[in-house]
């Protein structure tokens, strides 16, 4: 399944790049992300709760960033599995300078989806993926342009079991803005995540 799209973020390219490679930003902005563990340089394990149609569940997955050409492009490899199904995706992400202080972020994902989720239908999967990607980028932009939206609650928790850093999003009061459908957490990245990022969540858990 091929998913492509682009979003404009109201921040300079370097700021967007830095944000998408910052686990503390990603764990707050990836929809449904409850845990992001740094397993190696530019490599993460994560837990995401998401669904499409009546198929919902929790997925454990990994994301690795490669071919980093700061601040113009990177490649993400995403793999996830859960009761509703499995998914593997390779996502090419490029960062373009619009010349007005904003960044055009383009992603091209090639994904393989299996299990119950794979039976939902490509049209619905693509639609949900693009919607969640848009939500992810909206939250990344908010984290960059208005830090108070992020810092108004406790900062992301960081622990270091056995030398690995684990990031979890802060708890949110009922009805808080970030609690709607994008829990915060890919994007990786553009970092994640896109990470995750964006594309991470976009193809892996829809």
C-alpha atoms as a PDB file:
ATOM      1  CA  UNK A   1       0.000   0.000   0.000  1.00  0.00           C
ATOM      2  CA  UNK A   2       1.408   3.371  -1.008  1.00  0.00           C
ATOM      3  CA  UNK A   3       0.620   6.491   1.014  1.00  0.00           C
ATOM      4  CA  UNK A   4       1.964   9.907   0.070  1.00  0.00           C
ATOM      5  CA  UNK A   5       1.218  13.358   1.377  1.00  0.00           C
ATOM      6  CA  UNK A   6       2.620  16.683   2.458  1.00  0.00           C
ATOM      7  CA  UNK A   7       2.065  19.209   5.198  1.00  0.00           C
ATOM      8  CA  UNK A   8       3.267  22.748   5.794  1.00  0.00           C
ATOM      9  CA  UNK A   9       4.602  23.499   9.266  1.00  0.00           C
ATOM     10  CA  UNK A  10       4.893  27.123  10.373  1.00  0.00           C
ATOM     11  CA  UNK A  11       8.508  26.888  11.486  1.00  0.00           C
ATOM     12  CA  UNK A  12      11.961  26.962   9.848  1.00  0.00           C
ATOM     13  CA  UNK A  13      13.353  23.739   8.400  1.00  0.00           C
ATOM     14  CA  UNK A  14      16.048  23.319  11.053  1.00  0.00           C
ATOM     15  CA  UNK A  15      13.533  23.645  13.888  1.00  0.00           C
ATOM     16  CA  UNK A  16      11.232  21.078  12.307  1.00  0.00           C
ATOM     17  CA  UNK A  17      14.124  18.692  11.772  1.00  0.00           C
ATOM     18  CA  UNK A  18      15.292  19.048  15.374  1.00  0.00           C
ATOM     19  CA  UNK A  19      11.762  18.525  16.709  1.00  0.00           C
ATOM     20  CA  UNK A  20      11.194  15.364  14.712  1.00  0.00           C
ATOM     21  CA  UNK A  21      14.416  13.856  16.023  1.00  0.00           C
ATOM     22  CA  UNK A  22      13.633  14.732  19.646  1.00  0.00           C
ATOM     23  CA  UNK A  23      12.017  11.799  21.518  1.00  0.00           C
ATOM     24  CA  UNK A  24      10.455  14.201  24.026  1.00  0.00           C
ATOM     25  CA  UNK A  25       8.564  15.916  21.227  1.00  0.00           C
ATOM     26  CA  UNK A  26       7.646  12.677  19.481  1.00  0.00           C
ATOM     27  CA  UNK A  27       6.167  10.991  22.513  1.00  0.00           C
ATOM     28  CA  UNK A  28       3.887  14.020  22.879  1.00  0.00           C
ATOM     29  CA  UNK A  29       2.824  14.243  19.264  1.00  0.00           C
ATOM     30  CA  UNK A  30       2.518  10.742  17.796  1.00  0.00           C
ATOM     31  CA  UNK A  31      -1.220   9.873  17.978  1.00  0.00           C
ATOM     32  CA  UNK A  32      -1.895   7.251  20.641  1.00  0.00           C
ATOM     33  CA  UNK A  33       1.748   6.836  21.677  1.00  0.00           C
ATOM     34  CA  UNK A  34       2.095   5.833  25.328  1.00  0.00           C
ATOM     35  CA  UNK A  35       5.741   4.750  25.368  1.00  0.00           C
ATOM     36  CA  UNK A  36       8.845   5.493  23.317  1.00  0.00           C
ATOM     37  CA  UNK A  37      12.103   3.750  24.206  1.00  0.00           C
ATOM     38  CA  UNK A  38      15.441   4.705  22.722  1.00  0.00           C
ATOM     39  CA  UNK A  39      17.170   1.394  21.921  1.00  0.00           C
ATOM     40  CA  UNK A  40      20.085   2.783  19.908  1.00  0.00           C
ATOM     41  CA  UNK A  41      21.030   5.974  18.096  1.00  0.00           C
ATOM     42  CA  UNK A  42      18.028   6.943  15.951  1.00  0.00           C
ATOM     43  CA  UNK A  43      16.255   3.678  16.845  1.00  0.00           C
ATOM     44  CA  UNK A  44      13.182   3.311  19.033  1.00  0.00           C
ATOM     45  CA  UNK A  45      10.675   0.830  20.405  1.00  0.00           C
ATOM     46  CA  UNK A  46       7.177   2.146  21.017  1.00  0.00           C
ATOM     47  CA  UNK A  47       3.684   1.273  22.169  1.00  0.00           C
ATOM     48  CA  UNK A  48       0.748   2.839  20.348  1.00  0.00           C
ATOM     49  CA  UNK A  49      -2.995   2.415  20.827  1.00  0.00           C
ATOM     50  CA  UNK A  50      -5.043   3.052  17.711  1.00  0.00           C
ATOM     51  CA  UNK A  51      -7.617   1.611  15.365  1.00  0.00           C
ATOM     52  CA  UNK A  52      -9.670   1.964  12.236  1.00  0.00           C
ATOM     53  CA  UNK A  53     -13.390   1.263  11.914  1.00  0.00           C
ATOM     54  CA  UNK A  54     -14.289  -1.268  14.642  1.00  0.00           C
ATOM     55  CA  UNK A  55     -10.783  -2.708  14.798  1.00  0.00           C
ATOM     56  CA  UNK A  56      -8.849  -1.196  17.650  1.00  0.00           C
ATOM     57  CA  UNK A  57      -5.914  -2.364  19.675  1.00  0.00           C
ATOM     58  CA  UNK A  58      -2.489  -1.758  21.120  1.00  0.00           C
ATOM     59  CA  UNK A  59       0.564  -2.227  18.963  1.00  0.00           C
ATOM     60  CA  UNK A  60       4.189  -2.757  19.880  1.00  0.00           C
ATOM     61  CA  UNK A  61       6.533  -1.524  17.213  1.00  0.00           C
ATOM     62  CA  UNK A  62       9.961  -0.312  16.266  1.00  0.00           C
ATOM     63  CA  UNK A  63      11.196   2.663  14.284  1.00  0.00           C
ATOM     64  CA  UNK A  64      14.675   3.202  12.895  1.00  0.00           C
ATOM     65  CA  UNK A  65      15.919   6.310  11.110  1.00  0.00           C
ATOM     66  CA  UNK A  66      18.579   6.096   8.415  1.00  0.00           C
ATOM     67  CA  UNK A  67      20.034   8.081   5.520  1.00  0.00           C
ATOM     68  CA  UNK A  68      19.869  11.269   7.564  1.00  0.00           C
ATOM     69  CA  UNK A  69      20.802  14.286   5.465  1.00  0.00           C
ATOM     70  CA  UNK A  70      20.308  17.202   7.853  1.00  0.00           C
ATOM     71  CA  UNK A  71      18.050  19.076   7.432  1.00  0.00           C
ATOM     72  CA  UNK A  72      16.710  17.906   4.075  1.00  0.00           C
ATOM     73  CA  UNK A  73      15.697  14.234   4.197  1.00  0.00           C
ATOM     74  CA  UNK A  74      15.644  10.958   6.091  1.00  0.00           C
ATOM     75  CA  UNK A  75      14.299   7.415   5.805  1.00  0.00           C
ATOM     76  CA  UNK A  76      12.220   5.630   8.440  1.00  0.00           C
ATOM     77  CA  UNK A  77      11.693   1.888   8.762  1.00  0.00           C
ATOM     78  CA  UNK A  78       8.632   1.012  10.838  1.00  0.00           C
ATOM     79  CA  UNK A  79       7.387  -2.372  12.013  1.00  0.00           C
ATOM     80  CA  UNK A  80       4.485  -3.067  14.346  1.00  0.00           C
ATOM     81  CA  UNK A  81       2.263  -5.907  15.519  1.00  0.00           C
ATOM     82  CA  UNK A  82      -0.767  -6.324  17.739  1.00  0.00           C
ATOM     83  CA  UNK A  83      -3.975  -8.316  18.038  1.00  0.00           C
ATOM     84  CA  UNK A  84      -5.628  -6.463  15.106  1.00  0.00           C
ATOM     85  CA  UNK A  85      -2.767  -7.157  12.698  1.00  0.00           C
ATOM     86  CA  UNK A  86       0.742  -6.345  11.566  1.00  0.00           C
ATOM     87  CA  UNK A  87       2.371  -3.653   9.496  1.00  0.00           C
ATOM     88  CA  UNK A  88       5.749  -2.874   8.020  1.00  0.00           C
ATOM     89  CA  UNK A  89       6.570   0.376   6.272  1.00  0.00           C
ATOM     90  CA  UNK A  90       9.442   2.259   4.753  1.00  0.00           C
ATOM     91  CA  UNK A  91       8.898   6.003   4.732  1.00  0.00           C
ATOM     92  CA  UNK A  92      10.902   8.580   2.808  1.00  0.00           C
ATOM     93  CA  UNK A  93      10.612  12.044   4.367  1.00  0.00           C
ATOM     94  CA  UNK A  94      11.858  15.287   2.809  1.00  0.00           C
ATOM     95  CA  UNK A  95      12.004  18.791   4.285  1.00  0.00           C
ATOM     96  CA  UNK A  96      11.664  21.801   2.000  1.00  0.00           C
ATOM     97  CA  UNK A  97      12.151  25.487   2.755  1.00  0.00           C
ATOM     98  CA  UNK A  98       9.169  27.490   1.497  1.00  0.00           C
ATOM     99  CA  UNK A  99      11.198  30.697   1.674  1.00  0.00           C
ATOM    100  CA  UNK A 100       8.832  32.359   4.132  1.00  0.00           C
ATOM    101  CA  UNK A 101       9.975  30.758   7.369  1.00  0.00           C
ATOM    102  CA  UNK A 102       7.774  27.688   6.937  1.00  0.00           C
ATOM    103  CA  UNK A 103       8.641  24.096   6.061  1.00  0.00           C
ATOM    104  CA  UNK A 104       7.033  21.822   3.473  1.00  0.00           C
ATOM    105  CA  UNK A 105       7.295  18.261   4.738  1.00  0.00           C
ATOM    106  CA  UNK A 106       6.632  15.531   2.173  1.00  0.00           C
ATOM    107  CA  UNK A 107       6.323  11.821   2.986  1.00  0.00           C
ATOM    108  CA  UNK A 108       6.156   8.756   0.751  1.00  0.00           C
ATOM    109  CA  UNK A 109       5.333   5.512   2.561  1.00  0.00           C
ATOM    110  CA  UNK A 110       5.352   1.979   1.176  1.00  0.00           C
ATOM    111  CA  UNK A 111       3.485  -0.216   3.662  1.00  0.00           C
ATOM    112  CA  UNK A 112       2.441  -3.850   3.973  1.00  0.00           C
ATOM    113  CA  UNK A 113      -0.531  -4.419   6.296  1.00  0.00           C
ATOM    114  CA  UNK A 114      -1.727  -7.834   7.472  1.00  0.00           C
ATOM    115  CA  UNK A 115      -4.324  -9.409   9.755  1.00  0.00           C
ATOM    116  CA  UNK A 116      -7.758  -7.934  10.444  1.00  0.00           C
ATOM    117  CA  UNK A 117      -6.537  -4.415   9.749  1.00  0.00           C
ATOM    118  CA  UNK A 118      -5.425  -5.490   6.293  1.00  0.00           C
ATOM    119  CA  UNK A 119      -8.992  -6.509   5.486  1.00  0.00           C
ATOM    120  CA  UNK A 120     -10.461  -3.068   6.139  1.00  0.00           C
ATOM    121  CA  UNK A 121      -9.728  -1.786   2.659  1.00  0.00           C
ATOM    122  CA  UNK A 122      -7.016   0.407   1.205  1.00  0.00           C
ATOM    123  CA  UNK A 123      -9.261   3.419   0.693  1.00  0.00           C
ATOM    124  CA  UNK A 124     -10.242   3.608   4.357  1.00  0.00           C
ATOM    125  CA  UNK A 125      -6.713   2.877   5.537  1.00  0.00           C
ATOM    126  CA  UNK A 126      -5.324   5.633   3.341  1.00  0.00           C
ATOM    127  CA  UNK A 127      -7.957   8.122   4.501  1.00  0.00           C
ATOM    128  CA  UNK A 128      -7.380   7.427   8.187  1.00  0.00           C
ATOM    129  CA  UNK A 129      -3.607   7.441   7.723  1.00  0.00           C
ATOM    130  CA  UNK A 130      -3.613  10.886   6.131  1.00  0.00           C
ATOM    131  CA  UNK A 131      -5.941  12.267   8.793  1.00  0.00           C
ATOM    132  CA  UNK A 132      -3.725  10.991  11.600  1.00  0.00           C
ATOM    133  CA  UNK A 133      -0.615  12.292   9.827  1.00  0.00           C
ATOM    134  CA  UNK A 134      -2.212  15.741   9.625  1.00  0.00           C
ATOM    135  CA  UNK A 135      -2.999  15.606  13.352  1.00  0.00           C
ATOM    136  CA  UNK A 136       0.580  14.595  14.089  1.00  0.00           C
ATOM    137  CA  UNK A 137       2.037  17.496  12.128  1.00  0.00           C
ATOM    138  CA  UNK A 138      -0.402  19.915  13.730  1.00  0.00           C
ATOM    139  CA  UNK A 139       0.847  18.869  17.150  1.00  0.00           C
ATOM    140  CA  UNK A 140       4.490  19.105  16.067  1.00  0.00           C
ATOM    141  CA  UNK A 141       3.877  22.646  14.828  1.00  0.00           C
ATOM    142  CA  UNK A 142       2.174  23.525  18.096  1.00  0.00           C
ATOM    143  CA  UNK A 143       5.084  22.132  20.102  1.00  0.00           C
ATOM    144  CA  UNK A 144       7.529  24.248  18.071  1.00  0.00           C
ATOM    145  CA  UNK A 145       5.623  27.516  17.808  1.00  0.00           C
ATOM    146  CA  UNK A 146       3.903  27.526  21.194  1.00  0.00           C
ATOM    147  CA  UNK A 147       5.972  25.658  23.794  1.00  0.00           C
ATOM    148  CA  UNK A 148       3.434  26.603  26.476  1.00  0.00           C
ATOM    149  CA  UNK A 149       1.035  24.083  24.924  1.00  0.00           C
ATOM    150  CA  UNK A 150       3.553  21.414  25.823  1.00  0.00           C
ATOM    151  CA  UNK A 151       4.954  22.764  29.052  1.00  0.00           C
ATOM    152  CA  UNK A 152       1.601  23.567  30.636  1.00  0.00           C
ATOM    153  CA  UNK A 153       1.615  20.004  31.935  1.00  0.00           C
ATOM    154  CA  UNK A 154       4.418  17.969  33.445  1.00  0.00           C
ATOM    155  CA  UNK A 155       7.259  17.228  31.021  1.00  0.00           C
ATOM    156  CA  UNK A 156       7.575  13.828  29.416  1.00  0.00           C
ATOM    157  CA  UNK A 157       8.946  11.246  31.815  1.00  0.00           C
ATOM    158  CA  UNK A 158      12.400   9.881  31.083  1.00  0.00           C
ATOM    159  CA  UNK A 159      13.750   6.756  32.747  1.00  0.00           C
ATOM    160  CA  UNK A 160      16.872   4.766  32.028  1.00  0.00           C
ATOM    161  CA  UNK A 161      16.407   1.053  32.740  1.00  0.00           C
ATOM    162  CA  UNK A 162      19.507  -0.934  31.774  1.00  0.00           C
ATOM    163  CA  UNK A 163      20.935   2.084  30.006  1.00  0.00           C
ATOM    164  CA  UNK A 164      18.012   2.617  27.625  1.00  0.00           C
ATOM    165  CA  UNK A 165      16.045   5.839  27.835  1.00  0.00           C
ATOM    166  CA  UNK A 166      12.268   5.481  27.959  1.00  0.00           C
ATOM    167  CA  UNK A 167       9.954   8.412  27.217  1.00  0.00           C
ATOM    168  CA  UNK A 168       6.293   8.523  28.237  1.00  0.00           C
ATOM    169  CA  UNK A 169       3.844  11.369  27.690  1.00  0.00           C
ATOM    170  CA  UNK A 170       2.645  13.393  30.688  1.00  0.00           C
ATOM    171  CA  UNK A 171      -0.733  12.598  32.182  1.00  0.00           C
ATOM    172  CA  UNK A 172      -3.406  14.976  30.963  1.00  0.00           C
ATOM    173  CA  UNK A 173      -6.413  16.357  32.800  1.00  0.00           C
ATOM    174  CA  UNK A 174      -9.787  15.209  31.389  1.00  0.00           C
ATOM    175  CA  UNK A 175     -10.835  17.223  28.366  1.00  0.00           C
ATOM    176  CA  UNK A 176      -7.407  18.728  27.777  1.00  0.00           C
ATOM    177  CA  UNK A 177      -6.697  19.915  24.257  1.00  0.00           C
ATOM    178  CA  UNK A 178      -4.097  17.293  23.425  1.00  0.00           C
ATOM    179  CA  UNK A 179      -6.287  14.428  24.590  1.00  0.00           C
ATOM    180  CA  UNK A 180      -8.696  14.456  21.661  1.00  0.00           C
ATOM    181  CA  UNK A 181      -7.440  11.898  19.205  1.00  0.00           C
ATOM    182  CA  UNK A 182      -3.763  12.553  19.217  1.00  0.00           C
ATOM    183  CA  UNK A 183      -2.489  11.591  22.627  1.00  0.00           C
ATOM    184  CA  UNK A 184       0.979  12.919  22.175  1.00  0.00           C
ATOM    185  CA  UNK A 185       3.437  11.126  22.210  1.00  0.00           C
ATOM    186  CA  UNK A 186       7.278   9.561  14.890  1.00  0.00           C
ATOM    187  CA  UNK A 187       7.560  10.948  14.146  1.00  0.00           C
ATOM    188  CA  UNK A 188      10.017  10.776  13.789  1.00  0.00           C
ATOM    189  CA  UNK A 189       9.815  11.461  13.376  1.00  0.00           C
ATOM    190  CA  UNK A 190       9.274  12.774  11.300  1.00  0.00           C
ATOM    191  CA  UNK A 191      10.605  10.950  14.324  1.00  0.00           C
ATOM    192  CA  UNK A 192       9.792   9.905  14.382  1.00  0.00           C
ATOM    193  CA  UNK A 193       8.575  10.048  13.420  1.00  0.00           C
ATOM    194  CA  UNK A 194       6.720  10.961  11.476  1.00  0.00           C
ATOM    195  CA  UNK A 195       7.685  10.307  12.919  1.00  0.00           C
ATOM    196  CA  UNK A 196       5.933   8.606  13.344  1.00  0.00           C
ATOM    197  CA  UNK A 197       6.511   9.605  12.420  1.00  0.00           C
ATOM    198  CA  UNK A 198       4.157  10.522  11.326  1.00  0.00           C
ATOM    199  CA  UNK A 199       4.252   8.243   8.954  1.00  0.00           C
ATOM    200  CA  UNK A 200       5.065   5.926  11.713  1.00  0.00           C
ATOM    201  CA  UNK A 201       1.645   5.944  13.067  1.00  0.00           C
ATOM    202  CA  UNK A 202       0.082   6.757   9.816  1.00  0.00           C
ATOM    203  CA  UNK A 203       0.701   3.472   8.176  1.00  0.00           C
ATOM    204  CA  UNK A 204       1.418   1.213  10.991  1.00  0.00           C
ATOM    205  CA  UNK A 205      -1.594   1.553  13.176  1.00  0.00           C
ATOM    206  CA  UNK A 206      -4.491   2.593  11.081  1.00  0.00           C
END
